Amino acid sequence: MADWGPVIVATALFVLLTPGLLCTLPGRGRVAEFGSMHTSGLAILVHAVLYFALITIFLIAIGIHVYAG
């Protein structure tokens, strides 16, 4: 049986934390901008740190597993 939990969590977090798609932290004129479709180097760094923290929590601390087949 294959464990699809890490794949699903990583894909969902990647889509949700893409800078500029849903939100940008920090934004150009504000702390957070929603749906701006703009990004910067600092926003990429912040989103990468958030991605790493959340994927660590979901996969290691909580231990999400999805078995298929």
C-alpha atoms as a PDB file:
ATOM      1  CA  MET A   1       0.000   0.000   0.000  1.00  0.00           C
ATOM      2  CA  ALA A   2       1.226   3.449  -0.848  1.00  0.00           C
ATOM      3  CA  ASP A   3       1.090   6.317   1.632  1.00  0.00           C
ATOM      4  CA  TRP A   4      -0.381   9.299  -0.239  1.00  0.00           C
ATOM      5  CA  GLY A   5      -0.633  11.596   2.802  1.00  0.00           C
ATOM      6  CA  PRO A   6       2.640  13.467   2.227  1.00  0.00           C
ATOM      7  CA  VAL A   7       1.871  13.928  -1.479  1.00  0.00           C
ATOM      8  CA  ILE A   8      -1.597  15.336  -0.850  1.00  0.00           C
ATOM      9  CA  VAL A   9      -0.472  17.629   1.977  1.00  0.00           C
ATOM     10  CA  ALA A  10       2.547  18.928   0.053  1.00  0.00           C
ATOM     11  CA  THR A  11       0.494  19.613  -3.091  1.00  0.00           C
ATOM     12  CA  ALA A  12      -2.300  21.363  -1.207  1.00  0.00           C
ATOM     13  CA  LEU A  13       0.131  23.537   0.768  1.00  0.00           C
ATOM     14  CA  PHE A  14       2.094  24.391  -2.380  1.00  0.00           C
ATOM     15  CA  VAL A  15      -1.046  25.600  -4.140  1.00  0.00           C
ATOM     16  CA  LEU A  16      -2.369  27.511  -1.118  1.00  0.00           C
ATOM     17  CA  LEU A  17       0.966  29.138  -0.229  1.00  0.00           C
ATOM     18  CA  THR A  18       2.039  30.226  -3.704  1.00  0.00           C
ATOM     19  CA  PRO A  19       2.919  33.923  -3.225  1.00  0.00           C
ATOM     20  CA  GLY A  20       0.432  36.188  -4.972  1.00  0.00           C
ATOM     21  CA  LEU A  21      -2.191  33.546  -5.694  1.00  0.00           C
ATOM     22  CA  LEU A  22      -4.377  33.798  -2.591  1.00  0.00           C
ATOM     23  CA  CYS A  23      -2.348  36.164  -0.433  1.00  0.00           C
ATOM     24  CA  THR A  24       1.059  37.839  -0.285  1.00  0.00           C
ATOM     25  CA  LEU A  25       2.893  38.241   3.022  1.00  0.00           C
ATOM     26  CA  PRO A  26       4.303  40.939   3.168  1.00  0.00           C
ATOM     27  CA  GLY A  27       2.492  42.881   0.480  1.00  0.00           C
ATOM     28  CA  ARG A  28       3.797  45.903  -1.385  1.00  0.00           C
ATOM     29  CA  GLY A  29       1.812  48.523   0.503  1.00  0.00           C
ATOM     30  CA  ARG A  30       0.289  46.525   3.349  1.00  0.00           C
ATOM     31  CA  VAL A  31       1.213  43.661   5.617  1.00  0.00           C
ATOM     32  CA  ALA A  32      -0.997  41.268   3.659  1.00  0.00           C
ATOM     33  CA  GLU A  33      -2.489  41.611   0.196  1.00  0.00           C
ATOM     34  CA  PHE A  34      -5.103  39.218  -1.160  1.00  0.00           C
ATOM     35  CA  GLY A  35      -5.306  38.203  -4.820  1.00  0.00           C
ATOM     36  CA  SER A  36      -2.734  40.751  -5.945  1.00  0.00           C
ATOM     37  CA  MET A  37      -0.841  38.357  -8.275  1.00  0.00           C
ATOM     38  CA  HIS A  38       2.367  40.236  -7.356  1.00  0.00           C
ATOM     39  CA  THR A  39       5.316  38.890  -5.417  1.00  0.00           C
ATOM     40  CA  SER A  40       8.748  39.861  -4.153  1.00  0.00           C
ATOM     41  CA  GLY A  41      11.834  38.121  -2.850  1.00  0.00           C
ATOM     42  CA  LEU A  42      10.826  38.721   0.748  1.00  0.00           C
ATOM     43  CA  ALA A  43       7.335  37.315   0.098  1.00  0.00           C
ATOM     44  CA  ILE A  44       8.872  34.179  -1.422  1.00  0.00           C
ATOM     45  CA  LEU A  45      11.069  33.751   1.650  1.00  0.00           C
ATOM     46  CA  VAL A  46       8.140  34.225   4.070  1.00  0.00           C
ATOM     47  CA  HIS A  47       5.961  31.766   2.153  1.00  0.00           C
ATOM     48  CA  ALA A  48       8.805  29.210   1.999  1.00  0.00           C
ATOM     49  CA  VAL A  49       9.274  29.389   5.781  1.00  0.00           C
ATOM     50  CA  LEU A  50       5.508  29.022   6.304  1.00  0.00           C
ATOM     51  CA  TYR A  51       5.438  26.055   3.908  1.00  0.00           C
ATOM     52  CA  PHE A  52       8.287  24.327   5.745  1.00  0.00           C
ATOM     53  CA  ALA A  53       6.704  24.939   9.153  1.00  0.00           C
ATOM     54  CA  LEU A  54       3.257  23.704   8.121  1.00  0.00           C
ATOM     55  CA  ILE A  55       4.493  20.634   6.259  1.00  0.00           C
ATOM     56  CA  THR A  56       6.633  19.726   9.268  1.00  0.00           C
ATOM     57  CA  ILE A  57       3.655  20.053  11.599  1.00  0.00           C
ATOM     58  CA  PHE A  58       1.288  18.091   9.376  1.00  0.00           C
ATOM     59  CA  LEU A  59       3.641  15.263   8.415  1.00  0.00           C
ATOM     60  CA  ILE A  60       5.876  14.797  11.448  1.00  0.00           C
ATOM     61  CA  ALA A  61       3.989  16.117  14.480  1.00  0.00           C
ATOM     62  CA  ILE A  62       0.461  15.082  13.471  1.00  0.00           C
ATOM     63  CA  GLY A  63       1.429  12.246  11.145  1.00  0.00           C
ATOM     64  CA  ILE A  64      -1.143  12.436   8.354  1.00  0.00           C
ATOM     65  CA  HIS A  65      -1.373   9.172   6.396  1.00  0.00           C
ATOM     66  CA  VAL A  66      -3.645   8.308   3.471  1.00  0.00           C
ATOM     67  CA  TYR A  67      -3.429   4.740   2.196  1.00  0.00           C
ATOM     68  CA  ALA A  68      -4.853   3.813  -1.198  1.00  0.00           C
ATOM     69  CA  GLY A  69      -5.043   0.509  -2.920  1.00  0.00           C
END
